[in-house]
């Protein structure tokens, strides 16, 4: 998944708030998906990074967006608990 991820997805997965904020301030698309259909919110959920999830949601991340297999970020978070 991460070989085709956006910079914002990679930062969200790692849960680093400073790069996430910087990328968003520089107009990174919070809903842009990589090849597998994962958005930054999917990546944050997979990484278990609640702070990244909150940052992305505050900037309009779509919690209902589904990746190529139909899973939303909520589905991924539940699977990774």
PDB file of N, CA and C in Angstrom:
ATOM      1  N   UNK A   1       0.810  -1.187   0.000  1.00  0.00           N
ATOM      2  CA  UNK A   1       0.000   0.000   0.000  1.00  0.00           C
ATOM      3  C   UNK A   1       0.853   1.250   0.000  1.00  0.00           C
ATOM      4  N   UNK A   2       1.930   1.279   0.770  1.00  0.00           N
ATOM      5  CA  UNK A   2       2.657   2.523   0.936  1.00  0.00           C
ATOM      6  C   UNK A   2       3.634   2.823  -0.195  1.00  0.00           C
ATOM      7  N   UNK A   3       3.844   1.912  -1.121  1.00  0.00           N
ATOM      8  CA  UNK A   3       4.708   2.238  -2.252  1.00  0.00           C
ATOM      9  C   UNK A   3       4.021   3.224  -3.198  1.00  0.00           C
ATOM     10  N   UNK A   4       2.699   3.284  -3.141  1.00  0.00           N
ATOM     11  CA  UNK A   4       1.960   4.215  -3.999  1.00  0.00           C
ATOM     12  C   UNK A   4       1.215   5.264  -3.184  1.00  0.00           C
ATOM     13  N   UNK A   5       1.548   5.378  -1.915  1.00  0.00           N
ATOM     14  CA  UNK A   5       0.842   6.305  -1.025  1.00  0.00           C
ATOM     15  C   UNK A   5       1.260   7.743  -1.282  1.00  0.00           C
ATOM     16  N   UNK A   6       0.372   8.648  -0.942  1.00  0.00           N
ATOM     17  CA  UNK A   6       0.715  10.061  -0.996  1.00  0.00           C
ATOM     18  C   UNK A   6       1.564  10.407   0.222  1.00  0.00           C
ATOM     19  N   UNK A   7       2.214  11.550   0.171  1.00  0.00           N
ATOM     20  CA  UNK A   7       3.018  11.997   1.318  1.00  0.00           C
ATOM     21  C   UNK A   7       2.129  12.162   2.548  1.00  0.00           C
ATOM     22  N   UNK A   8       0.913  12.642   2.345  1.00  0.00           N
ATOM     23  CA  UNK A   8       0.003  12.824   3.467  1.00  0.00           C
ATOM     24  C   UNK A   8      -0.406  11.479   4.062  1.00  0.00           C
ATOM     25  N   UNK A   9      -0.633  10.487   3.228  1.00  0.00           N
ATOM     26  CA  UNK A   9      -0.957   9.148   3.732  1.00  0.00           C
ATOM     27  C   UNK A   9       0.195   8.568   4.541  1.00  0.00           C
ATOM     28  N   UNK A  10       1.405   8.753   4.054  1.00  0.00           N
ATOM     29  CA  UNK A  10       2.570   8.231   4.773  1.00  0.00           C
ATOM     30  C   UNK A  10       2.712   8.909   6.134  1.00  0.00           C
ATOM     31  N   UNK A  11       2.528  10.214   6.184  1.00  0.00           N
ATOM     32  CA  UNK A  11       2.615  10.941   7.455  1.00  0.00           C
ATOM     33  C   UNK A  11       1.479  10.531   8.388  1.00  0.00           C
ATOM     34  N   UNK A  12       0.286  10.340   7.836  1.00  0.00           N
ATOM     35  CA  UNK A  12      -0.866   9.941   8.649  1.00  0.00           C
ATOM     36  C   UNK A  12      -0.656   8.551   9.237  1.00  0.00           C
ATOM     37  N   UNK A  13      -0.122   7.645   8.441  1.00  0.00           N
ATOM     38  CA  UNK A  13       0.140   6.290   8.941  1.00  0.00           C
ATOM     39  C   UNK A  13       1.115   6.315  10.108  1.00  0.00           C
ATOM     40  N   UNK A  14       2.117   7.163  10.010  1.00  0.00           N
ATOM     41  CA  UNK A  14       3.123   7.255  11.071  1.00  0.00           C
ATOM     42  C   UNK A  14       2.647   8.094  12.259  1.00  0.00           C
ATOM     43  N   UNK A  15       1.583   8.877  12.035  1.00  0.00           N
ATOM     44  CA  UNK A  15       0.984   9.649  13.108  1.00  0.00           C
ATOM     45  C   UNK A  15       1.745  10.884  13.526  1.00  0.00           C
ATOM     46  N   UNK A  16       2.532  11.441  12.628  1.00  0.00           N
ATOM     47  CA  UNK A  16       3.302  12.634  12.947  1.00  0.00           C
ATOM     48  C   UNK A  16       2.466  13.878  12.659  1.00  0.00           C
ATOM     49  N   UNK A  17       1.983  14.590  13.699  1.00  0.00           N
ATOM     50  CA  UNK A  17       1.091  15.734  13.457  1.00  0.00           C
ATOM     51  C   UNK A  17       1.747  16.908  12.734  1.00  0.00           C
ATOM     52  N   UNK A  18       3.012  17.176  12.975  1.00  0.00           N
ATOM     53  CA  UNK A  18       3.647  18.339  12.334  1.00  0.00           C
ATOM     54  C   UNK A  18       3.676  18.207  10.810  1.00  0.00           C
ATOM     55  N   UNK A  19       4.155  17.068  10.242  1.00  0.00           N
ATOM     56  CA  UNK A  19       4.128  16.957   8.778  1.00  0.00           C
ATOM     57  C   UNK A  19       2.710  16.932   8.211  1.00  0.00           C
ATOM     58  N   UNK A  20       1.782  16.334   8.944  1.00  0.00           N
ATOM     59  CA  UNK A  20       0.392  16.308   8.478  1.00  0.00           C
ATOM     60  C   UNK A  20      -0.127  17.746   8.364  1.00  0.00           C
ATOM     61  N   UNK A  21       0.088  18.515   9.410  1.00  0.00           N
ATOM     62  CA  UNK A  21      -0.366  19.907   9.417  1.00  0.00           C
ATOM     63  C   UNK A  21       0.313  20.705   8.307  1.00  0.00           C
ATOM     64  N   UNK A  22       1.616  20.536   8.152  1.00  0.00           N
ATOM     65  CA  UNK A  22       2.354  21.245   7.114  1.00  0.00           C
ATOM     66  C   UNK A  22       1.824  20.903   5.721  1.00  0.00           C
ATOM     67  N   UNK A  23       1.601  19.630   5.463  1.00  0.00           N
ATOM     68  CA  UNK A  23       1.086  19.210   4.157  1.00  0.00           C
ATOM     69  C   UNK A  23      -0.306  19.783   3.906  1.00  0.00           C
ATOM     70  N   UNK A  24      -1.153  19.758   4.930  1.00  0.00           N
ATOM     71  CA  UNK A  24      -2.503  20.310   4.776  1.00  0.00           C
ATOM     72  C   UNK A  24      -2.451  21.814   4.538  1.00  0.00           C
ATOM     73  N   UNK A  25      -1.593  22.509   5.278  1.00  0.00           N
ATOM     74  CA  UNK A  25      -1.450  23.956   5.080  1.00  0.00           C
ATOM     75  C   UNK A  25      -0.957  24.300   3.676  1.00  0.00           C
ATOM     76  N   UNK A  26      -0.255  23.331   3.055  1.00  0.00           N
ATOM     77  CA  UNK A  26       0.237  23.523   1.688  1.00  0.00           C
ATOM     78  C   UNK A  26      -0.679  22.864   0.667  1.00  0.00           C
ATOM     79  N   UNK A  27      -1.935  22.709   1.060  1.00  0.00           N
ATOM     80  CA  UNK A  27      -3.018  22.287   0.163  1.00  0.00           C
ATOM     81  C   UNK A  27      -2.970  20.825  -0.269  1.00  0.00           C
ATOM     82  N   UNK A  28      -2.409  19.949   0.559  1.00  0.00           N
ATOM     83  CA  UNK A  28      -2.496  18.520   0.255  1.00  0.00           C
ATOM     84  C   UNK A  28      -3.967  18.115   0.337  1.00  0.00           C
ATOM     85  N   UNK A  29      -4.390  17.265  -0.569  1.00  0.00           N
ATOM     86  CA  UNK A  29      -5.778  16.802  -0.633  1.00  0.00           C
ATOM     87  C   UNK A  29      -5.984  15.710   0.422  1.00  0.00           C
ATOM     88  N   UNK A  30      -6.817  15.979   1.424  1.00  0.00           N
ATOM     89  CA  UNK A  30      -7.020  15.014   2.514  1.00  0.00           C
ATOM     90  C   UNK A  30      -7.779  13.773   2.059  1.00  0.00           C
ATOM     91  N   UNK A  31      -8.333  13.800   0.856  1.00  0.00           N
ATOM     92  CA  UNK A  31      -9.073  12.647   0.343  1.00  0.00           C
ATOM     93  C   UNK A  31      -8.400  11.969  -0.848  1.00  0.00           C
ATOM     94  N   UNK A  32      -7.195  12.401  -1.196  1.00  0.00           N
ATOM     95  CA  UNK A  32      -6.501  11.797  -2.341  1.00  0.00           C
ATOM     96  C   UNK A  32      -6.057  10.379  -1.986  1.00  0.00           C
ATOM     97  N   UNK A  33      -6.397   9.462  -2.867  1.00  0.00           N
ATOM     98  CA  UNK A  33      -6.096   8.052  -2.633  1.00  0.00           C
ATOM     99  C   UNK A  33      -4.906   7.591  -3.459  1.00  0.00           C
ATOM    100  N   UNK A  34      -4.202   6.604  -2.924  1.00  0.00           N
ATOM    101  CA  UNK A  34      -3.149   5.928  -3.666  1.00  0.00           C
ATOM    102  C   UNK A  34      -3.768   4.869  -4.563  1.00  0.00           C
ATOM    103  N   UNK A  35      -2.947   4.044  -5.186  1.00  0.00           N
ATOM    104  CA  UNK A  35      -3.412   3.046  -6.155  1.00  0.00           C
ATOM    105  C   UNK A  35      -4.373   2.025  -5.550  1.00  0.00           C
ATOM    106  N   UNK A  36      -4.221   1.710  -4.278  1.00  0.00           N
ATOM    107  CA  UNK A  36      -5.093   0.730  -3.624  1.00  0.00           C
ATOM    108  C   UNK A  36      -6.392   1.367  -3.125  1.00  0.00           C
ATOM    109  N   UNK A  37      -6.547   2.657  -3.380  1.00  0.00           N
ATOM    110  CA  UNK A  37      -7.746   3.343  -2.951  1.00  0.00           C
ATOM    111  C   UNK A  37      -7.715   3.809  -1.508  1.00  0.00           C
ATOM    112  N   UNK A  38      -6.544   3.745  -0.883  1.00  0.00           N
ATOM    113  CA  UNK A  38      -6.412   4.181   0.506  1.00  0.00           C
ATOM    114  C   UNK A  38      -6.203   5.687   0.563  1.00  0.00           C
ATOM    115  N   UNK A  39      -7.026   6.338   1.358  1.00  0.00           N
ATOM    116  CA  UNK A  39      -6.872   7.763   1.612  1.00  0.00           C
ATOM    117  C   UNK A  39      -5.965   7.955   2.826  1.00  0.00           C
ATOM    118  N   UNK A  40      -5.561   9.178   3.105  1.00  0.00           N
ATOM    119  CA  UNK A  40      -4.802   9.411   4.334  1.00  0.00           C
ATOM    120  C   UNK A  40      -5.553   8.940   5.587  1.00  0.00           C
ATOM    121  N   UNK A  41      -6.878   9.042   5.562  1.00  0.00           N
ATOM    122  CA  UNK A  41      -7.665   8.590   6.710  1.00  0.00           C
ATOM    123  C   UNK A  41      -7.575   7.076   6.879  1.00  0.00           C
ATOM    124  N   UNK A  42      -7.599   6.329   5.782  1.00  0.00           N
ATOM    125  CA  UNK A  42      -7.394   4.877   5.859  1.00  0.00           C
ATOM    126  C   UNK A  42      -6.037   4.569   6.492  1.00  0.00           C
ATOM    127  N   UNK A  43      -5.012   5.297   6.040  1.00  0.00           N
ATOM    128  CA  UNK A  43      -3.658   5.065   6.543  1.00  0.00           C
ATOM    129  C   UNK A  43      -3.549   5.372   8.032  1.00  0.00           C
ATOM    130  N   UNK A  44      -4.170   6.463   8.461  1.00  0.00           N
ATOM    131  CA  UNK A  44      -4.145   6.819   9.881  1.00  0.00           C
ATOM    132  C   UNK A  44      -4.870   5.766  10.712  1.00  0.00           C
ATOM    133  N   UNK A  45      -5.993   5.286  10.203  1.00  0.00           N
ATOM    134  CA  UNK A  45      -6.746   4.250  10.912  1.00  0.00           C
ATOM    135  C   UNK A  45      -5.934   2.963  11.012  1.00  0.00           C
ATOM    136  N   UNK A  46      -5.290   2.583   9.926  1.00  0.00           N
ATOM    137  CA  UNK A  46      -4.459   1.379   9.919  1.00  0.00           C
ATOM    138  C   UNK A  46      -3.305   1.499  10.910  1.00  0.00           C
ATOM    139  N   UNK A  47      -2.744   2.691  11.007  1.00  0.00           N
ATOM    140  CA  UNK A  47      -1.646   2.920  11.934  1.00  0.00           C
ATOM    141  C   UNK A  47      -2.093   3.128  13.370  1.00  0.00           C
ATOM    142  N   UNK A  48      -3.400   3.202  13.596  1.00  0.00           N
ATOM    143  CA  UNK A  48      -3.912   3.407  14.943  1.00  0.00           C
ATOM    144  C   UNK A  48      -3.618   4.781  15.505  1.00  0.00           C
ATOM    145  N   UNK A  49      -3.556   5.766  14.621  1.00  0.00           N
ATOM    146  CA  UNK A  49      -3.156   7.120  15.020  1.00  0.00           C
ATOM    147  C   UNK A  49      -4.366   8.039  15.160  1.00  0.00           C
ATOM    148  N   UNK A  50      -4.918   8.086  16.366  1.00  0.00           N
ATOM    149  CA  UNK A  50      -6.137   8.865  16.594  1.00  0.00           C
ATOM    150  C   UNK A  50      -5.918  10.358  16.399  1.00  0.00           C
ATOM    151  N   UNK A  51      -4.738  10.863  16.733  1.00  0.00           N
ATOM    152  CA  UNK A  51      -4.485  12.293  16.527  1.00  0.00           C
ATOM    153  C   UNK A  51      -4.489  12.624  15.036  1.00  0.00           C
ATOM    154  N   UNK A  52      -3.896  11.765  14.229  1.00  0.00           N
ATOM    155  CA  UNK A  52      -3.907  11.967  12.777  1.00  0.00           C
ATOM    156  C   UNK A  52      -5.334  11.888  12.246  1.00  0.00           C
ATOM    157  N   UNK A  53      -6.118  10.957  12.765  1.00  0.00           N
ATOM    158  CA  UNK A  53      -7.521  10.845  12.352  1.00  0.00           C
ATOM    159  C   UNK A  53      -8.254  12.139  12.667  1.00  0.00           C
ATOM    160  N   UNK A  54      -8.064  12.674  13.873  1.00  0.00           N
ATOM    161  CA  UNK A  54      -8.730  13.919  14.256  1.00  0.00           C
ATOM    162  C   UNK A  54      -8.319  15.089  13.355  1.00  0.00           C
ATOM    163  N   UNK A  55      -7.028  15.201  13.072  1.00  0.00           N
ATOM    164  CA  UNK A  55      -6.553  16.276  12.189  1.00  0.00           C
ATOM    165  C   UNK A  55      -7.193  16.172  10.806  1.00  0.00           C
ATOM    166  N   UNK A  56      -7.203  14.984  10.251  1.00  0.00           N
ATOM    167  CA  UNK A  56      -7.753  14.776   8.912  1.00  0.00           C
ATOM    168  C   UNK A  56      -9.260  15.031   8.879  1.00  0.00           C
ATOM    169  N   UNK A  57      -9.962  14.546   9.901  1.00  0.00           N
ATOM    170  CA  UNK A  57     -11.405  14.752   9.959  1.00  0.00           C
ATOM    171  C   UNK A  57     -11.737  16.241  10.086  1.00  0.00           C
ATOM    172  N   UNK A  58     -10.949  16.964  10.852  1.00  0.00           N
ATOM    173  CA  UNK A  58     -11.178  18.395  11.019  1.00  0.00           C
ATOM    174  C   UNK A  58     -10.993  19.160   9.714  1.00  0.00           C
ATOM    175  N   UNK A  59     -10.217  18.586   8.802  1.00  0.00           N
ATOM    176  CA  UNK A  59      -9.967  19.230   7.511  1.00  0.00           C
ATOM    177  C   UNK A  59     -10.799  18.632   6.379  1.00  0.00           C
ATOM    178  N   UNK A  60     -11.809  17.848   6.736  1.00  0.00           N
ATOM    179  CA  UNK A  60     -12.761  17.390   5.730  1.00  0.00           C
ATOM    180  C   UNK A  60     -12.530  16.011   5.153  1.00  0.00           C
ATOM    181  N   UNK A  61     -11.737  15.185   5.804  1.00  0.00           N
ATOM    182  CA  UNK A  61     -11.540  13.819   5.306  1.00  0.00           C
ATOM    183  C   UNK A  61     -12.880  13.080   5.292  1.00  0.00           C
ATOM    184  N   UNK A  62     -13.101  12.318   4.246  1.00  0.00           N
ATOM    185  CA  UNK A  62     -14.369  11.598   4.056  1.00  0.00           C
ATOM    186  C   UNK A  62     -14.317  10.257   4.766  1.00  0.00           C
ATOM    187  N   UNK A  63     -15.019  10.157   5.894  1.00  0.00           N
ATOM    188  CA  UNK A  63     -14.997   8.906   6.662  1.00  0.00           C
ATOM    189  C   UNK A  63     -15.772   7.787   5.986  1.00  0.00           C
ATOM    190  N   UNK A  64     -16.547   8.109   4.962  1.00  0.00           N
ATOM    191  CA  UNK A  64     -17.322   7.096   4.248  1.00  0.00           C
ATOM    192  C   UNK A  64     -16.636   6.596   2.978  1.00  0.00           C
ATOM    193  N   UNK A  65     -15.499   7.164   2.635  1.00  0.00           N
ATOM    194  CA  UNK A  65     -14.785   6.732   1.422  1.00  0.00           C
ATOM    195  C   UNK A  65     -14.318   5.292   1.599  1.00  0.00           C
ATOM    196  N   UNK A  66     -14.508   4.496   0.562  1.00  0.00           N
ATOM    197  CA  UNK A  66     -14.121   3.086   0.611  1.00  0.00           C
ATOM    198  C   UNK A  66     -12.929   2.834  -0.306  1.00  0.00           C
ATOM    199  N   UNK A  67     -12.036   1.964   0.145  1.00  0.00           N
ATOM    200  CA  UNK A  67     -10.912   1.564  -0.690  1.00  0.00           C
ATOM    201  C   UNK A  67     -11.377   0.507  -1.696  1.00  0.00           C
ATOM    202  N   UNK A  68     -10.476  -0.049  -2.495  1.00  0.00           N
ATOM    203  CA  UNK A  68     -10.878  -0.903  -3.620  1.00  0.00           C
ATOM    204  C   UNK A  68     -11.609  -2.176  -3.207  1.00  0.00           C
ATOM    205  N   UNK A  69     -11.484  -2.594  -1.950  1.00  0.00           N
ATOM    206  CA  UNK A  69     -12.193  -3.787  -1.479  1.00  0.00           C
ATOM    207  C   UNK A  69     -13.445  -3.422  -0.687  1.00  0.00           C
ATOM    208  N   UNK A  70     -13.772  -2.140  -0.652  1.00  0.00           N
ATOM    209  CA  UNK A  70     -14.989  -1.684  -0.011  1.00  0.00           C
ATOM    210  C   UNK A  70     -14.863  -1.295   1.448  1.00  0.00           C
ATOM    211  N   UNK A  71     -13.675  -1.335   2.008  1.00  0.00           N
ATOM    212  CA  UNK A  71     -13.490  -1.000   3.428  1.00  0.00           C
ATOM    213  C   UNK A  71     -13.335   0.504   3.622  1.00  0.00           C
ATOM    214  N   UNK A  72     -14.031   1.020   4.613  1.00  0.00           N
ATOM    215  CA  UNK A  72     -13.861   2.411   5.007  1.00  0.00           C
ATOM    216  C   UNK A  72     -12.762   2.490   6.065  1.00  0.00           C
ATOM    217  N   UNK A  73     -12.385   3.689   6.435  1.00  0.00           N
ATOM    218  CA  UNK A  73     -11.382   3.859   7.490  1.00  0.00           C
ATOM    219  C   UNK A  73     -11.884   3.267   8.806  1.00  0.00           C
ATOM    220  N   UNK A  74     -13.170   3.367   9.059  1.00  0.00           N
ATOM    221  CA  UNK A  74     -13.748   2.790  10.273  1.00  0.00           C
ATOM    222  C   UNK A  74     -13.599   1.279  10.256  1.00  0.00           C
ATOM    223  N   UNK A  75     -13.871   0.647   9.103  1.00  0.00           N
ATOM    224  CA  UNK A  75     -13.691  -0.808   8.979  1.00  0.00           C
ATOM    225  C   UNK A  75     -12.252  -1.206   9.290  1.00  0.00           C
ATOM    226  N   UNK A  76     -11.319  -0.451   8.745  1.00  0.00           N
ATOM    227  CA  UNK A  76      -9.900  -0.758   8.947  1.00  0.00           C
ATOM    228  C   UNK A  76      -9.506  -0.580  10.416  1.00  0.00           C
ATOM    229  N   UNK A  77      -9.990   0.496  11.028  1.00  0.00           N
ATOM    230  CA  UNK A  77      -9.691   0.729  12.448  1.00  0.00           C
ATOM    231  C   UNK A  77     -10.210  -0.421  13.310  1.00  0.00           C
ATOM    232  N   UNK A  78     -11.406  -0.892  13.016  1.00  0.00           N
ATOM    233  CA  UNK A  78     -11.991  -1.997  13.792  1.00  0.00           C
ATOM    234  C   UNK A  78     -11.194  -3.288  13.616  1.00  0.00           C
ATOM    235  N   UNK A  79     -10.702  -3.533  12.415  1.00  0.00           N
ATOM    236  CA  UNK A  79      -9.907  -4.739  12.156  1.00  0.00           C
ATOM    237  C   UNK A  79      -8.550  -4.680  12.839  1.00  0.00           C
ATOM    238  N   UNK A  80      -8.031  -3.478  13.051  1.00  0.00           N
ATOM    239  CA  UNK A  80      -6.687  -3.321  13.594  1.00  0.00           C
ATOM    240  C   UNK A  80      -6.660  -3.134  15.108  1.00  0.00           C
ATOM    241  N   UNK A  81      -7.813  -3.203  15.754  1.00  0.00           N
ATOM    242  CA  UNK A  81      -7.844  -3.031  17.210  1.00  0.00           C
ATOM    243  C   UNK A  81      -7.118  -4.144  17.912  1.00  0.00           C
TER     244      UNK A  81
END
